[in-house]
Amino acid sequence: MRRPGRPQKQAAPVLAGSTSDPPRASLMIDTGTGEMKLIAAFKQGRSVELKELGKWPAGKGPETAELFAGLAAGDSTQYEDMKETFKKGLLEELPKHEPAGCVWVPGILGATAWYRKLTGGAKASSESGLKRLLFELNDEVLKERNIPAPAFAEIEGQQEAIFEQKAVEYAVTMSDLEAPLALVSAGSGSCQIVGFGAVASFDAALKRVRWRSTTIGPPAVRSGRRRSSMRSPSATT
């Protein structure tokens, strides 16, 4: 029995395969509230390595829901920019990391908090836009290289929390560190908490709060007194 309050080292996750097996690879697209990422995952034995091939937007830009709302309204400018960013990643970045003789297996395109909050026509048009992206990437790049396109998937809040917990479990195991008692992970649109046998996920417009806090600037100093014009987070949502 372990002493209360003292974390134990995480048991090694079960990762099938050996170093003699050919490396396996998958493409994934993470569609977060504030940005989208194209990622290649490579697995050799028990080791898993992730390589970011492209990120959109590169700087300050529209949120993901706004991109697909614009596409549905007939404005494809932002969509085409995002697609070209991912195509460049596949054509220029992927060959730098792809192991010789790797076996490609299907990955996923995960739609997270921003997508879960949509309803009706907005959700349908966003799903249509995401599936269009998958079709065009496959048609223009992937099928020529025999790489399977990711499959579309809506990631529920608790599922997202478990994915993040498993990622941390793997990281602490491979680094020979002790497992945390609890995990809090926050993105631009939601926050997940895992620990003590419980899993929770809730919406949190963190991108808007962060954007406002970084654009207002430092508090003004006048007459020896510090004054801040920053509003409370509740005022920014």
C-alpha atoms as a PDB file:
ATOM      1  CA  MET A   1       0.000   0.000   0.000  1.00  0.00           C
ATOM      2  CA  ARG A   2       1.376   3.369  -0.898  1.00  0.00           C
ATOM      3  CA  ARG A   3       1.675   6.201   1.537  1.00  0.00           C
ATOM      4  CA  PRO A   4      -1.186   8.749   1.170  1.00  0.00           C
ATOM      5  CA  GLY A   5      -0.256  11.786  -0.890  1.00  0.00           C
ATOM      6  CA  ARG A   6       2.781  10.166  -2.500  1.00  0.00           C
ATOM      7  CA  PRO A   7       2.350   9.569  -6.253  1.00  0.00           C
ATOM      8  CA  GLN A   8       3.462   6.261  -7.695  1.00  0.00           C
ATOM      9  CA  LYS A   9       5.339   5.710 -10.892  1.00  0.00           C
ATOM     10  CA  GLN A  10       2.937   5.142 -13.736  1.00  0.00           C
ATOM     11  CA  ALA A  11       2.592   1.566 -14.921  1.00  0.00           C
ATOM     12  CA  ALA A  12       3.863   1.195 -18.469  1.00  0.00           C
ATOM     13  CA  PRO A  13       1.073   1.486 -21.035  1.00  0.00           C
ATOM     14  CA  VAL A  14       0.484  -1.533 -23.234  1.00  0.00           C
ATOM     15  CA  LEU A  15       1.947  -0.774 -26.645  1.00  0.00           C
ATOM     16  CA  ALA A  16       1.882  -3.843 -28.854  1.00  0.00           C
ATOM     17  CA  GLY A  17       4.712  -4.555 -31.235  1.00  0.00           C
ATOM     18  CA  SER A  18       8.461  -4.907 -31.127  1.00  0.00           C
ATOM     19  CA  THR A  19      11.380  -3.021 -32.600  1.00  0.00           C
ATOM     20  CA  SER A  20      11.666  -5.731 -35.260  1.00  0.00           C
ATOM     21  CA  ASP A  21       8.218  -4.886 -36.642  1.00  0.00           C
ATOM     22  CA  PRO A  22       8.054  -2.294 -39.455  1.00  0.00           C
ATOM     23  CA  PRO A  23       7.286   1.217 -38.202  1.00  0.00           C
ATOM     24  CA  ARG A  24       3.626   2.226 -38.386  1.00  0.00           C
ATOM     25  CA  ALA A  25       2.389   5.703 -39.217  1.00  0.00           C
ATOM     26  CA  SER A  26      -0.865   7.675 -39.159  1.00  0.00           C
ATOM     27  CA  LEU A  27      -1.950  11.147 -40.154  1.00  0.00           C
ATOM     28  CA  MET A  28      -4.048  13.147 -37.709  1.00  0.00           C
ATOM     29  CA  ILE A  29      -5.709  16.546 -37.926  1.00  0.00           C
ATOM     30  CA  ASP A  30      -6.448  18.326 -34.664  1.00  0.00           C
ATOM     31  CA  THR A  31      -9.173  20.910 -35.228  1.00  0.00           C
ATOM     32  CA  GLY A  32      -9.143  23.009 -32.093  1.00  0.00           C
ATOM     33  CA  THR A  33     -11.133  26.133 -31.332  1.00  0.00           C
ATOM     34  CA  GLY A  34      -8.277  28.506 -32.126  1.00  0.00           C
ATOM     35  CA  GLU A  35      -6.101  26.556 -34.557  1.00  0.00           C
ATOM     36  CA  MET A  36      -5.834  23.452 -36.704  1.00  0.00           C
ATOM     37  CA  LYS A  37      -2.787  21.169 -36.801  1.00  0.00           C
ATOM     38  CA  LEU A  38      -1.684  18.450 -39.201  1.00  0.00           C
ATOM     39  CA  ILE A  39       0.312  15.798 -37.321  1.00  0.00           C
ATOM     40  CA  ALA A  40       2.119  12.627 -38.337  1.00  0.00           C
ATOM     41  CA  ALA A  41       2.430   9.873 -35.711  1.00  0.00           C
ATOM     42  CA  PHE A  42       5.155   7.239 -36.014  1.00  0.00           C
ATOM     43  CA  LYS A  43       5.263   4.104 -33.859  1.00  0.00           C
ATOM     44  CA  GLN A  44       8.249   1.749 -33.610  1.00  0.00           C
ATOM     45  CA  GLY A  45       7.953  -0.905 -30.919  1.00  0.00           C
ATOM     46  CA  ARG A  46       6.899   0.900 -27.708  1.00  0.00           C
ATOM     47  CA  SER A  47       8.096   4.290 -28.918  1.00  0.00           C
ATOM     48  CA  VAL A  48       5.667   6.826 -30.409  1.00  0.00           C
ATOM     49  CA  GLU A  49       6.857  10.045 -32.037  1.00  0.00           C
ATOM     50  CA  LEU A  50       4.683  12.946 -33.215  1.00  0.00           C
ATOM     51  CA  LYS A  51       5.722  15.458 -35.861  1.00  0.00           C
ATOM     52  CA  GLU A  52       3.766  18.633 -36.550  1.00  0.00           C
ATOM     53  CA  LEU A  53       3.599  19.083 -40.322  1.00  0.00           C
ATOM     54  CA  GLY A  54       1.524  22.240 -40.452  1.00  0.00           C
ATOM     55  CA  LYS A  55      -0.454  24.676 -38.305  1.00  0.00           C
ATOM     56  CA  TRP A  56      -3.157  27.149 -39.285  1.00  0.00           C
ATOM     57  CA  PRO A  57      -3.413  30.039 -38.736  1.00  0.00           C
ATOM     58  CA  ALA A  58       0.294  30.819 -38.426  1.00  0.00           C
ATOM     59  CA  GLY A  59      -0.473  33.918 -36.352  1.00  0.00           C
ATOM     60  CA  LYS A  60      -3.588  35.762 -35.252  1.00  0.00           C
ATOM     61  CA  GLY A  61      -6.530  34.644 -37.334  1.00  0.00           C
ATOM     62  CA  PRO A  62     -10.157  33.552 -37.277  1.00  0.00           C
ATOM     63  CA  GLU A  63     -11.365  30.767 -35.050  1.00  0.00           C
ATOM     64  CA  THR A  64     -12.041  27.418 -36.681  1.00  0.00           C
ATOM     65  CA  ALA A  65     -15.819  27.832 -36.532  1.00  0.00           C
ATOM     66  CA  GLU A  66     -15.514  31.212 -38.269  1.00  0.00           C
ATOM     67  CA  LEU A  67     -13.433  29.653 -41.055  1.00  0.00           C
ATOM     68  CA  PHE A  68     -16.130  27.107 -41.884  1.00  0.00           C
ATOM     69  CA  ALA A  69     -18.925  29.639 -41.481  1.00  0.00           C
ATOM     70  CA  GLY A  70     -17.173  31.771 -44.089  1.00  0.00           C
ATOM     71  CA  LEU A  71     -16.755  28.780 -46.384  1.00  0.00           C
ATOM     72  CA  ALA A  72     -20.466  27.985 -46.103  1.00  0.00           C
ATOM     73  CA  ALA A  73     -21.238  31.614 -46.997  1.00  0.00           C
ATOM     74  CA  GLY A  74     -19.142  31.367 -50.167  1.00  0.00           C
ATOM     75  CA  ASP A  75     -15.825  32.827 -48.962  1.00  0.00           C
ATOM     76  CA  SER A  76     -13.142  30.158 -49.446  1.00  0.00           C
ATOM     77  CA  THR A  77     -10.099  32.418 -48.921  1.00  0.00           C
ATOM     78  CA  GLN A  78      -9.241  31.243 -45.412  1.00  0.00           C
ATOM     79  CA  TYR A  79     -10.111  27.638 -46.233  1.00  0.00           C
ATOM     80  CA  GLU A  80      -7.790  27.581 -49.248  1.00  0.00           C
ATOM     81  CA  ASP A  81      -4.995  29.133 -47.191  1.00  0.00           C
ATOM     82  CA  MET A  82      -5.404  26.424 -44.545  1.00  0.00           C
ATOM     83  CA  LYS A  83      -5.523  23.639 -47.151  1.00  0.00           C
ATOM     84  CA  GLU A  84      -2.371  24.915 -48.870  1.00  0.00           C
ATOM     85  CA  THR A  85      -0.591  25.007 -45.496  1.00  0.00           C
ATOM     86  CA  PHE A  86      -1.438  21.332 -44.946  1.00  0.00           C
ATOM     87  CA  LYS A  87      -0.513  20.362 -48.515  1.00  0.00           C
ATOM     88  CA  LYS A  88       2.878  22.017 -48.062  1.00  0.00           C
ATOM     89  CA  GLY A  89       3.363  20.032 -44.858  1.00  0.00           C
ATOM     90  CA  LEU A  90       2.574  16.776 -46.643  1.00  0.00           C
ATOM     91  CA  LEU A  91       4.797  17.509 -49.623  1.00  0.00           C
ATOM     92  CA  GLU A  92       7.746  19.174 -47.880  1.00  0.00           C
ATOM     93  CA  GLU A  93       7.768  18.263 -44.187  1.00  0.00           C
ATOM     94  CA  LEU A  94       6.498  14.679 -44.162  1.00  0.00           C
ATOM     95  CA  PRO A  95       9.356  13.266 -46.318  1.00  0.00           C
ATOM     96  CA  LYS A  96      11.862  14.620 -43.765  1.00  0.00           C
ATOM     97  CA  HIS A  97      10.419  12.400 -41.008  1.00  0.00           C
ATOM     98  CA  GLU A  98       8.832   9.373 -42.675  1.00  0.00           C
ATOM     99  CA  PRO A  99      10.756   6.184 -41.811  1.00  0.00           C
ATOM    100  CA  ALA A 100      11.712   3.870 -44.658  1.00  0.00           C
ATOM    101  CA  GLY A 101       9.301   0.979 -45.099  1.00  0.00           C
ATOM    102  CA  CYS A 102       6.667   2.317 -42.704  1.00  0.00           C
ATOM    103  CA  VAL A 103       3.137   0.945 -42.858  1.00  0.00           C
ATOM    104  CA  TRP A 104       0.436   3.615 -43.002  1.00  0.00           C
ATOM    105  CA  VAL A 105      -2.796   3.037 -41.090  1.00  0.00           C
ATOM    106  CA  PRO A 106      -5.834   5.358 -40.914  1.00  0.00           C
ATOM    107  CA  GLY A 107      -5.785   8.155 -38.352  1.00  0.00           C
ATOM    108  CA  ILE A 108      -8.513  10.614 -37.371  1.00  0.00           C
ATOM    109  CA  LEU A 109      -9.560  14.206 -37.872  1.00  0.00           C
ATOM    110  CA  GLY A 110     -10.818  15.195 -34.446  1.00  0.00           C
ATOM    111  CA  ALA A 111     -13.397  17.955 -34.040  1.00  0.00           C
ATOM    112  CA  THR A 112     -13.369  19.184 -30.447  1.00  0.00           C
ATOM    113  CA  ALA A 113     -15.023  21.881 -28.288  1.00  0.00           C
ATOM    114  CA  TRP A 114     -15.808  24.379 -31.038  1.00  0.00           C
ATOM    115  CA  TYR A 115     -17.644  21.705 -33.015  1.00  0.00           C
ATOM    116  CA  ARG A 116     -19.463  20.231 -30.022  1.00  0.00           C
ATOM    117  CA  LYS A 117     -21.039  23.616 -29.315  1.00  0.00           C
ATOM    118  CA  LEU A 118     -22.447  24.065 -32.819  1.00  0.00           C
ATOM    119  CA  THR A 119     -26.043  23.161 -33.669  1.00  0.00           C
ATOM    120  CA  GLY A 120     -28.267  22.902 -36.731  1.00  0.00           C
ATOM    121  CA  GLY A 121     -27.031  24.312 -40.007  1.00  0.00           C
ATOM    122  CA  ALA A 122     -23.783  25.649 -38.533  1.00  0.00           C
ATOM    123  CA  LYS A 123     -22.765  22.177 -37.401  1.00  0.00           C
ATOM    124  CA  ALA A 124     -23.809  20.564 -40.668  1.00  0.00           C
ATOM    125  CA  SER A 125     -21.870  23.085 -42.762  1.00  0.00           C
ATOM    126  CA  SER A 126     -18.764  22.672 -40.580  1.00  0.00           C
ATOM    127  CA  GLU A 127     -18.911  18.890 -40.946  1.00  0.00           C
ATOM    128  CA  SER A 128     -19.299  19.334 -44.695  1.00  0.00           C
ATOM    129  CA  GLY A 129     -16.263  21.629 -44.762  1.00  0.00           C
ATOM    130  CA  LEU A 130     -14.124  19.217 -42.763  1.00  0.00           C
ATOM    131  CA  LYS A 131     -15.069  16.300 -44.996  1.00  0.00           C
ATOM    132  CA  ARG A 132     -14.322  18.439 -48.047  1.00  0.00           C
ATOM    133  CA  LEU A 133     -10.849  19.061 -46.640  1.00  0.00           C
ATOM    134  CA  LEU A 134     -10.260  15.331 -46.194  1.00  0.00           C
ATOM    135  CA  PHE A 135     -11.506  14.575 -49.708  1.00  0.00           C
ATOM    136  CA  GLU A 136      -9.325  17.245 -51.329  1.00  0.00           C
ATOM    137  CA  LEU A 137      -6.171  16.352 -49.396  1.00  0.00           C
ATOM    138  CA  ASN A 138      -6.693  12.734 -50.389  1.00  0.00           C
ATOM    139  CA  ASP A 139      -7.418  13.584 -54.012  1.00  0.00           C
ATOM    140  CA  GLU A 140      -4.551  16.062 -54.425  1.00  0.00           C
ATOM    141  CA  VAL A 141      -1.776  14.455 -52.337  1.00  0.00           C
ATOM    142  CA  LEU A 142      -2.463  11.345 -50.269  1.00  0.00           C
ATOM    143  CA  LYS A 143      -3.772   8.799 -52.752  1.00  0.00           C
ATOM    144  CA  GLU A 144      -0.654   9.139 -54.927  1.00  0.00           C
ATOM    145  CA  ARG A 145       1.462   8.128 -51.931  1.00  0.00           C
ATOM    146  CA  ASN A 146      -0.878   5.374 -50.712  1.00  0.00           C
ATOM    147  CA  ILE A 147      -1.428   7.182 -47.421  1.00  0.00           C
ATOM    148  CA  PRO A 148      -4.956   6.718 -46.017  1.00  0.00           C
ATOM    149  CA  ALA A 149      -6.800   9.942 -45.267  1.00  0.00           C
ATOM    150  CA  PRO A 150      -7.872  10.476 -41.646  1.00  0.00           C
ATOM    151  CA  ALA A 151     -11.463   9.652 -40.732  1.00  0.00           C
ATOM    152  CA  PHE A 152     -13.745  12.389 -39.407  1.00  0.00           C
ATOM    153  CA  ALA A 153     -14.685  12.065 -35.726  1.00  0.00           C
ATOM    154  CA  GLU A 154     -16.450  14.296 -33.228  1.00  0.00           C
ATOM    155  CA  ILE A 155     -14.489  14.042 -29.964  1.00  0.00           C
ATOM    156  CA  GLU A 156     -16.747  14.168 -26.904  1.00  0.00           C
ATOM    157  CA  GLY A 157     -15.531  16.072 -23.863  1.00  0.00           C
ATOM    158  CA  GLN A 158     -14.827  13.061 -21.654  1.00  0.00           C
ATOM    159  CA  GLN A 159     -13.192  11.250 -24.569  1.00  0.00           C
ATOM    160  CA  GLU A 160     -10.928  14.267 -25.090  1.00  0.00           C
ATOM    161  CA  ALA A 161      -9.985  14.162 -21.402  1.00  0.00           C
ATOM    162  CA  ILE A 162      -9.072  10.460 -21.616  1.00  0.00           C
ATOM    163  CA  PHE A 163      -6.954  11.034 -24.722  1.00  0.00           C
ATOM    164  CA  GLU A 164      -5.022  13.748 -22.913  1.00  0.00           C
ATOM    165  CA  GLN A 165      -4.622  11.553 -19.829  1.00  0.00           C
ATOM    166  CA  LYS A 166      -3.201   8.718 -21.965  1.00  0.00           C
ATOM    167  CA  ALA A 167      -0.740  11.115 -23.586  1.00  0.00           C
ATOM    168  CA  VAL A 168       0.534  12.186 -20.162  1.00  0.00           C
ATOM    169  CA  GLU A 169       0.702   8.566 -18.973  1.00  0.00           C
ATOM    170  CA  TYR A 170       2.891   7.713 -21.946  1.00  0.00           C
ATOM    171  CA  ALA A 171       5.129  10.757 -21.436  1.00  0.00           C
ATOM    172  CA  VAL A 172       5.777  10.138 -17.730  1.00  0.00           C
ATOM    173  CA  THR A 173       6.335   6.415 -18.308  1.00  0.00           C
ATOM    174  CA  MET A 174       8.870   6.922 -21.069  1.00  0.00           C
ATOM    175  CA  SER A 175      10.581   9.629 -18.992  1.00  0.00           C
ATOM    176  CA  ASP A 176      10.662   7.398 -15.872  1.00  0.00           C
ATOM    177  CA  LEU A 177       8.693   9.953 -13.863  1.00  0.00           C
ATOM    178  CA  GLU A 178       6.014   9.520 -11.231  1.00  0.00           C
ATOM    179  CA  ALA A 179       2.416   9.712 -12.358  1.00  0.00           C
ATOM    180  CA  PRO A 180       0.496  12.886 -11.404  1.00  0.00           C
ATOM    181  CA  LEU A 181      -2.412  12.572  -8.997  1.00  0.00           C
ATOM    182  CA  ALA A 182      -4.592  14.672 -11.308  1.00  0.00           C
ATOM    183  CA  LEU A 183      -4.420  16.290 -14.716  1.00  0.00           C
ATOM    184  CA  VAL A 184      -5.862  19.616 -15.863  1.00  0.00           C
ATOM    185  CA  SER A 185      -5.620  20.343 -19.593  1.00  0.00           C
ATOM    186  CA  ALA A 186      -6.926  23.546 -21.132  1.00  0.00           C
ATOM    187  CA  GLY A 187      -7.241  24.529 -24.777  1.00  0.00           C
ATOM    188  CA  SER A 188      -8.811  27.550 -26.444  1.00  0.00           C
ATOM    189  CA  GLY A 189     -12.396  26.374 -26.012  1.00  0.00           C
ATOM    190  CA  SER A 190     -12.607  23.793 -23.232  1.00  0.00           C
ATOM    191  CA  CYS A 191     -10.940  22.440 -20.109  1.00  0.00           C
ATOM    192  CA  GLN A 192     -10.580  18.787 -19.082  1.00  0.00           C
ATOM    193  CA  ILE A 193      -9.885  17.415 -15.598  1.00  0.00           C
ATOM    194  CA  VAL A 194      -8.947  13.812 -14.781  1.00  0.00           C
ATOM    195  CA  GLY A 195      -8.053  12.499 -11.346  1.00  0.00           C
ATOM    196  CA  PHE A 196      -9.136  10.567  -8.276  1.00  0.00           C
ATOM    197  CA  GLY A 197     -11.360   8.326 -10.372  1.00  0.00           C
ATOM    198  CA  ALA A 198     -13.279  11.194 -11.984  1.00  0.00           C
ATOM    199  CA  VAL A 199     -13.333  12.640 -15.506  1.00  0.00           C
ATOM    200  CA  ALA A 200     -14.824  16.045 -16.350  1.00  0.00           C
ATOM    201  CA  SER A 201     -14.922  18.415 -19.303  1.00  0.00           C
ATOM    202  CA  PHE A 202     -16.461  21.857 -19.564  1.00  0.00           C
ATOM    203  CA  ASP A 203     -16.569  24.729 -22.045  1.00  0.00           C
ATOM    204  CA  ALA A 204     -14.245  27.653 -21.389  1.00  0.00           C
ATOM    205  CA  ALA A 205     -13.659  30.469 -23.890  1.00  0.00           C
ATOM    206  CA  LEU A 206      -9.995  30.724 -22.950  1.00  0.00           C
ATOM    207  CA  LYS A 207      -8.801  32.023 -26.308  1.00  0.00           C
ATOM    208  CA  ARG A 208     -10.951  35.130 -26.023  1.00  0.00           C
ATOM    209  CA  VAL A 209      -9.792  35.809 -22.474  1.00  0.00           C
ATOM    210  CA  ARG A 210      -6.133  35.277 -23.436  1.00  0.00           C
ATOM    211  CA  TRP A 211      -6.429  37.422 -26.554  1.00  0.00           C
ATOM    212  CA  ARG A 212      -7.927  40.319 -24.615  1.00  0.00           C
ATOM    213  CA  SER A 213      -5.360  40.079 -21.823  1.00  0.00           C
ATOM    214  CA  THR A 214      -2.451  40.192 -24.296  1.00  0.00           C
ATOM    215  CA  THR A 215      -3.805  43.008 -26.471  1.00  0.00           C
ATOM    216  CA  ILE A 216      -4.803  45.417 -23.716  1.00  0.00           C
ATOM    217  CA  GLY A 217      -1.177  45.705 -22.606  1.00  0.00           C
ATOM    218  CA  PRO A 218       0.347  46.333 -19.184  1.00  0.00           C
ATOM    219  CA  PRO A 219      -1.523  48.335 -16.552  1.00  0.00           C
ATOM    220  CA  ALA A 220      -1.010  52.103 -16.765  1.00  0.00           C
ATOM    221  CA  VAL A 221       0.962  53.844 -14.030  1.00  0.00           C
ATOM    222  CA  ARG A 222      -0.153  57.370 -13.209  1.00  0.00           C
ATOM    223  CA  SER A 223       0.548  59.534 -10.183  1.00  0.00           C
ATOM    224  CA  GLY A 224       2.300  56.669  -8.474  1.00  0.00           C
ATOM    225  CA  ARG A 225      -0.766  54.415  -8.652  1.00  0.00           C
ATOM    226  CA  ARG A 226      -1.193  51.400 -10.942  1.00  0.00           C
ATOM    227  CA  ARG A 227      -4.412  51.268 -12.866  1.00  0.00           C
ATOM    228  CA  SER A 228      -5.629  48.469 -15.108  1.00  0.00           C
ATOM    229  CA  SER A 229      -8.338  48.662 -17.746  1.00  0.00           C
ATOM    230  CA  MET A 230      -8.608  44.885 -18.087  1.00  0.00           C
ATOM    231  CA  ARG A 231     -12.126  43.634 -17.691  1.00  0.00           C
ATOM    232  CA  SER A 232     -13.017  40.430 -15.919  1.00  0.00           C
ATOM    233  CA  PRO A 233     -13.118  37.229 -18.004  1.00  0.00           C
ATOM    234  CA  SER A 234     -16.891  37.152 -17.790  1.00  0.00           C
ATOM    235  CA  ALA A 235     -17.016  40.445 -19.658  1.00  0.00           C
ATOM    236  CA  THR A 236     -15.120  39.063 -22.625  1.00  0.00           C
ATOM    237  CA  THR A 237     -17.310  36.104 -23.464  1.00  0.00           C
END
